[in-house]
Amino acid sequence: MNALDFVVVQDIFLNEICRFADVILPAACFAEKDGGFTNSDRRVQRARKAVNAPGDARADWEIICDISRACGYPMPWYNDSDDVYAEMAALTDQLAGITHE
């Protein structure tokens, strides 16, 4: 099997790569989800949802949890982006002590 035999695209809009996709996962953009972002300077920024995502678009962590569940590894400890960030902070020295609050 060639690496390009099955292509999955997760994006906030249809683009050129989607033409080659076997599956397209509609993702929510930064204004459509709660969470945090870390830039290349390692600065952490809190993001708060401003508008609802259109159609079937969802937050990245929700998509990943659904894929994990479909593969036989449910992740029931994630209820929201706060839970995801708390685990990241517990496992990553650079984020230690930082919470969504």
N, C-alpha and C. Protein backbone atom coordinates (compact mmCIF):
# COMPACT_ATOMS: atom_id res chain seq x y z
N MET A 1 0.84 -1.19 0.00
CA MET A 1 0.00 0.00 0.00
C MET A 1 0.88 1.24 0.00
N ASN A 2 0.58 2.15 -0.83
CA ASN A 2 1.28 3.42 -0.94
C ASN A 2 0.73 4.38 0.12
N ALA A 3 1.58 5.26 0.63
CA ALA A 3 1.16 6.23 1.64
C ALA A 3 0.04 7.13 1.14
N LEU A 4 -0.08 7.30 -0.15
CA LEU A 4 -1.12 8.16 -0.69
C LEU A 4 -2.36 7.39 -1.13
N ASP A 5 -2.46 6.13 -0.75
CA ASP A 5 -3.63 5.34 -1.10
C ASP A 5 -4.87 5.77 -0.33
N PHE A 6 -4.68 6.35 0.83
CA PHE A 6 -5.81 6.80 1.64
C PHE A 6 -5.43 8.15 2.24
N VAL A 7 -6.18 9.19 1.88
CA VAL A 7 -5.86 10.54 2.32
C VAL A 7 -7.00 11.11 3.15
N VAL A 8 -6.67 11.60 4.34
CA VAL A 8 -7.64 12.25 5.21
C VAL A 8 -7.22 13.72 5.35
N VAL A 9 -8.17 14.61 5.17
CA VAL A 9 -7.90 16.05 5.32
C VAL A 9 -8.79 16.58 6.43
N GLN A 10 -8.20 17.29 7.38
CA GLN A 10 -8.96 17.99 8.41
C GLN A 10 -8.63 19.46 8.24
N ASP A 11 -9.62 20.24 7.88
CA ASP A 11 -9.37 21.66 7.61
C ASP A 11 -10.62 22.47 7.87
N ILE A 12 -10.46 23.79 7.89
CA ILE A 12 -11.60 24.68 8.15
C ILE A 12 -12.32 25.09 6.87
N PHE A 13 -11.73 24.80 5.72
CA PHE A 13 -12.38 25.12 4.44
C PHE A 13 -11.92 24.15 3.37
N LEU A 14 -12.71 24.04 2.34
CA LEU A 14 -12.31 23.19 1.22
C LEU A 14 -11.16 23.85 0.48
N ASN A 15 -10.14 23.09 0.20
CA ASN A 15 -8.98 23.63 -0.51
C ASN A 15 -8.54 22.62 -1.58
N GLU A 16 -7.45 22.91 -2.24
CA GLU A 16 -6.97 22.08 -3.33
C GLU A 16 -6.68 20.64 -2.89
N ILE A 17 -6.15 20.48 -1.70
CA ILE A 17 -5.81 19.15 -1.21
C ILE A 17 -7.05 18.29 -1.03
N CYS A 18 -8.17 18.90 -0.73
CA CYS A 18 -9.42 18.15 -0.53
C CYS A 18 -9.82 17.36 -1.77
N ARG A 19 -9.38 17.79 -2.93
CA ARG A 19 -9.68 17.04 -4.17
C ARG A 19 -9.14 15.62 -4.11
N PHE A 20 -8.07 15.42 -3.37
CA PHE A 20 -7.41 14.12 -3.29
C PHE A 20 -7.84 13.31 -2.07
N ALA A 21 -8.69 13.89 -1.24
CA ALA A 21 -9.05 13.26 0.03
C ALA A 21 -10.09 12.16 -0.14
N ASP A 22 -9.88 11.09 0.59
CA ASP A 22 -10.89 10.04 0.70
C ASP A 22 -11.90 10.41 1.79
N VAL A 23 -11.43 11.13 2.80
CA VAL A 23 -12.27 11.58 3.91
C VAL A 23 -11.90 13.03 4.21
N ILE A 24 -12.91 13.87 4.40
CA ILE A 24 -12.69 15.26 4.81
C ILE A 24 -13.36 15.46 6.16
N LEU A 25 -12.57 15.89 7.14
CA LEU A 25 -13.07 16.14 8.49
C LEU A 25 -13.18 17.65 8.67
N PRO A 26 -14.41 18.17 8.81
CA PRO A 26 -14.58 19.61 8.93
C PRO A 26 -14.19 20.11 10.32
N ALA A 27 -13.17 20.94 10.39
CA ALA A 27 -12.65 21.45 11.65
C ALA A 27 -13.19 22.86 11.93
N ALA A 28 -13.30 23.18 13.19
CA ALA A 28 -13.69 24.52 13.61
C ALA A 28 -12.45 25.43 13.58
N CYS A 29 -12.66 26.69 13.24
CA CYS A 29 -11.54 27.65 13.25
C CYS A 29 -11.33 28.18 14.66
N PHE A 30 -10.32 29.01 14.85
CA PHE A 30 -9.96 29.50 16.19
C PHE A 30 -11.11 30.24 16.87
N ALA A 31 -11.94 30.94 16.12
CA ALA A 31 -13.04 31.71 16.71
C ALA A 31 -14.25 30.85 17.04
N GLU A 32 -14.21 29.58 16.62
CA GLU A 32 -15.34 28.68 16.80
C GLU A 32 -15.09 27.62 17.87
N LYS A 33 -14.01 27.78 18.64
CA LYS A 33 -13.70 26.77 19.66
C LYS A 33 -12.96 27.40 20.82
N ASP A 34 -13.10 26.77 21.98
CA ASP A 34 -12.33 27.16 23.17
C ASP A 34 -11.01 26.41 23.14
N GLY A 35 -10.02 26.99 23.76
CA GLY A 35 -8.75 26.29 23.83
C GLY A 35 -7.59 27.24 24.05
N GLY A 36 -6.42 26.76 23.69
CA GLY A 36 -5.22 27.56 23.83
C GLY A 36 -4.30 27.32 22.66
N PHE A 37 -3.45 28.28 22.41
CA PHE A 37 -2.49 28.20 21.32
C PHE A 37 -1.12 28.55 21.87
N THR A 38 -0.13 27.84 21.41
CA THR A 38 1.25 28.15 21.79
C THR A 38 1.99 28.52 20.52
N ASN A 39 2.57 29.73 20.49
CA ASN A 39 3.26 30.16 19.27
C ASN A 39 4.72 29.74 19.29
N SER A 40 5.45 30.12 18.27
CA SER A 40 6.85 29.69 18.15
C SER A 40 7.76 30.30 19.22
N ASP A 41 7.30 31.35 19.89
CA ASP A 41 8.04 31.92 21.01
C ASP A 41 7.67 31.25 22.33
N ARG A 42 6.87 30.18 22.24
CA ARG A 42 6.36 29.43 23.39
C ARG A 42 5.44 30.26 24.27
N ARG A 43 4.81 31.26 23.69
CA ARG A 43 3.82 32.04 24.44
C ARG A 43 2.47 31.35 24.30
N VAL A 44 1.82 31.17 25.44
CA VAL A 44 0.53 30.49 25.45
C VAL A 44 -0.57 31.55 25.48
N GLN A 45 -1.54 31.38 24.58
CA GLN A 45 -2.66 32.31 24.52
C GLN A 45 -3.95 31.53 24.71
N ARG A 46 -4.82 32.06 25.53
CA ARG A 46 -6.14 31.46 25.76
C ARG A 46 -7.07 31.96 24.67
N ALA A 47 -7.86 31.08 24.10
CA ALA A 47 -8.84 31.46 23.09
C ALA A 47 -10.23 31.06 23.59
N ARG A 48 -11.17 31.97 23.44
CA ARG A 48 -12.54 31.68 23.83
C ARG A 48 -13.45 31.70 22.61
N LYS A 49 -14.34 30.77 22.57
CA LYS A 49 -15.27 30.64 21.45
C LYS A 49 -16.10 31.91 21.30
N ALA A 50 -16.13 32.44 20.08
CA ALA A 50 -16.90 33.66 19.81
C ALA A 50 -18.18 33.37 19.04
N VAL A 51 -18.15 32.36 18.18
CA VAL A 51 -19.31 31.99 17.36
C VAL A 51 -19.38 30.47 17.25
N ASN A 52 -20.54 29.98 16.91
CA ASN A 52 -20.70 28.53 16.70
C ASN A 52 -20.09 28.12 15.37
N ALA A 53 -19.55 26.93 15.33
CA ALA A 53 -18.98 26.40 14.09
C ALA A 53 -20.12 26.03 13.13
N PRO A 54 -19.89 26.22 11.85
CA PRO A 54 -20.95 25.91 10.88
C PRO A 54 -21.06 24.41 10.61
N GLY A 55 -22.24 23.97 10.25
CA GLY A 55 -22.45 22.59 9.81
C GLY A 55 -21.92 21.56 10.78
N ASP A 56 -21.12 20.64 10.27
CA ASP A 56 -20.56 19.54 11.07
C ASP A 56 -19.17 19.84 11.62
N ALA A 57 -18.68 21.06 11.46
CA ALA A 57 -17.34 21.41 11.93
C ALA A 57 -17.27 21.29 13.45
N ARG A 58 -16.14 20.75 13.93
CA ARG A 58 -15.95 20.55 15.36
C ARG A 58 -14.53 20.87 15.77
N ALA A 59 -14.32 20.99 17.06
CA ALA A 59 -12.99 21.25 17.61
C ALA A 59 -12.07 20.05 17.36
N ASP A 60 -10.80 20.32 17.22
CA ASP A 60 -9.81 19.27 16.94
C ASP A 60 -9.86 18.14 17.97
N TRP A 61 -9.93 18.49 19.25
CA TRP A 61 -9.91 17.46 20.29
C TRP A 61 -11.13 16.54 20.18
N GLU A 62 -12.27 17.07 19.75
CA GLU A 62 -13.46 16.24 19.59
C GLU A 62 -13.28 15.25 18.44
N ILE A 63 -12.70 15.72 17.35
CA ILE A 63 -12.44 14.86 16.19
C ILE A 63 -11.46 13.75 16.57
N ILE A 64 -10.39 14.11 17.27
CA ILE A 64 -9.39 13.12 17.68
C ILE A 64 -10.00 12.09 18.62
N CYS A 65 -10.84 12.52 19.56
CA CYS A 65 -11.48 11.58 20.47
C CYS A 65 -12.40 10.61 19.72
N ASP A 66 -13.12 11.10 18.71
CA ASP A 66 -13.98 10.22 17.92
C ASP A 66 -13.17 9.20 17.12
N ILE A 67 -12.07 9.64 16.54
CA ILE A 67 -11.20 8.71 15.80
C ILE A 67 -10.64 7.67 16.75
N SER A 68 -10.20 8.10 17.92
CA SER A 68 -9.65 7.19 18.92
C SER A 68 -10.71 6.17 19.34
N ARG A 69 -11.94 6.63 19.59
CA ARG A 69 -13.02 5.74 19.98
C ARG A 69 -13.30 4.71 18.87
N ALA A 70 -13.29 5.17 17.61
CA ALA A 70 -13.54 4.26 16.48
C ALA A 70 -12.43 3.21 16.35
N CYS A 71 -11.23 3.54 16.83
CA CYS A 71 -10.10 2.61 16.77
C CYS A 71 -10.05 1.70 18.00
N GLY A 72 -11.04 1.81 18.88
CA GLY A 72 -11.09 0.95 20.05
C GLY A 72 -10.43 1.51 21.29
N TYR A 73 -10.08 2.80 21.28
CA TYR A 73 -9.44 3.42 22.45
C TYR A 73 -10.26 4.64 22.86
N PRO A 74 -11.33 4.43 23.61
CA PRO A 74 -12.14 5.58 24.04
C PRO A 74 -11.37 6.48 24.99
N MET A 75 -11.68 7.74 24.94
CA MET A 75 -11.00 8.74 25.78
C MET A 75 -12.06 9.50 26.59
N PRO A 76 -12.75 8.83 27.52
CA PRO A 76 -13.88 9.45 28.22
C PRO A 76 -13.49 10.54 29.21
N TRP A 77 -12.22 10.68 29.50
CA TRP A 77 -11.78 11.69 30.47
C TRP A 77 -11.76 13.09 29.85
N TYR A 78 -11.95 13.20 28.55
CA TYR A 78 -12.00 14.51 27.91
C TYR A 78 -13.45 14.95 27.73
N ASN A 79 -13.85 15.94 28.48
CA ASN A 79 -15.20 16.49 28.37
C ASN A 79 -15.21 17.85 27.69
N ASP A 80 -14.07 18.54 27.72
CA ASP A 80 -13.97 19.85 27.10
C ASP A 80 -12.50 20.21 26.92
N SER A 81 -12.26 21.38 26.35
CA SER A 81 -10.88 21.78 26.08
C SER A 81 -10.07 22.00 27.36
N ASP A 82 -10.74 22.30 28.47
CA ASP A 82 -10.04 22.44 29.75
C ASP A 82 -9.37 21.12 30.15
N ASP A 83 -10.09 20.00 29.94
CA ASP A 83 -9.54 18.69 30.27
C ASP A 83 -8.32 18.36 29.41
N VAL A 84 -8.40 18.70 28.14
CA VAL A 84 -7.28 18.45 27.23
C VAL A 84 -6.06 19.26 27.67
N TYR A 85 -6.28 20.54 27.97
CA TYR A 85 -5.16 21.40 28.37
C TYR A 85 -4.57 20.95 29.70
N ALA A 86 -5.41 20.53 30.62
CA ALA A 86 -4.91 20.07 31.92
C ALA A 86 -3.97 18.89 31.75
N GLU A 87 -4.30 17.96 30.85
CA GLU A 87 -3.41 16.82 30.62
C GLU A 87 -2.12 17.26 29.95
N MET A 88 -2.23 18.17 28.98
CA MET A 88 -1.01 18.68 28.33
C MET A 88 -0.09 19.35 29.35
N ALA A 89 -0.66 20.16 30.24
CA ALA A 89 0.14 20.86 31.24
C ALA A 89 0.78 19.87 32.22
N ALA A 90 0.07 18.78 32.52
CA ALA A 90 0.62 17.78 33.45
C ALA A 90 1.76 16.99 32.82
N LEU A 91 1.77 16.88 31.49
CA LEU A 91 2.77 16.05 30.81
C LEU A 91 3.88 16.84 30.13
N THR A 92 3.77 18.16 30.11
CA THR A 92 4.74 19.00 29.39
C THR A 92 5.35 20.01 30.36
N ASP A 93 6.64 19.91 30.59
CA ASP A 93 7.31 20.80 31.54
C ASP A 93 7.09 22.28 31.22
N GLN A 94 7.10 22.64 29.95
CA GLN A 94 6.96 24.04 29.56
C GLN A 94 5.59 24.62 29.89
N LEU A 95 4.59 23.77 30.07
CA LEU A 95 3.24 24.23 30.39
C LEU A 95 2.87 24.04 31.85
N ALA A 96 3.77 23.48 32.63
CA ALA A 96 3.49 23.20 34.04
C ALA A 96 3.04 24.46 34.77
N GLY A 97 1.98 24.34 35.53
CA GLY A 97 1.49 25.45 36.33
C GLY A 97 0.54 26.37 35.59
N ILE A 98 0.35 26.19 34.30
CA ILE A 98 -0.57 27.03 33.53
C ILE A 98 -1.90 26.30 33.42
N THR A 99 -3.01 26.99 33.72
CA THR A 99 -4.34 26.42 33.58
C THR A 99 -5.17 27.32 32.70
N HIS A 100 -6.33 26.82 32.27
CA HIS A 100 -7.23 27.65 31.47
C HIS A 100 -7.70 28.87 32.27
N GLU A 101 -7.87 28.70 33.56
CA GLU A 101 -8.28 29.84 34.37
C GLU A 101 -7.24 30.93 34.33
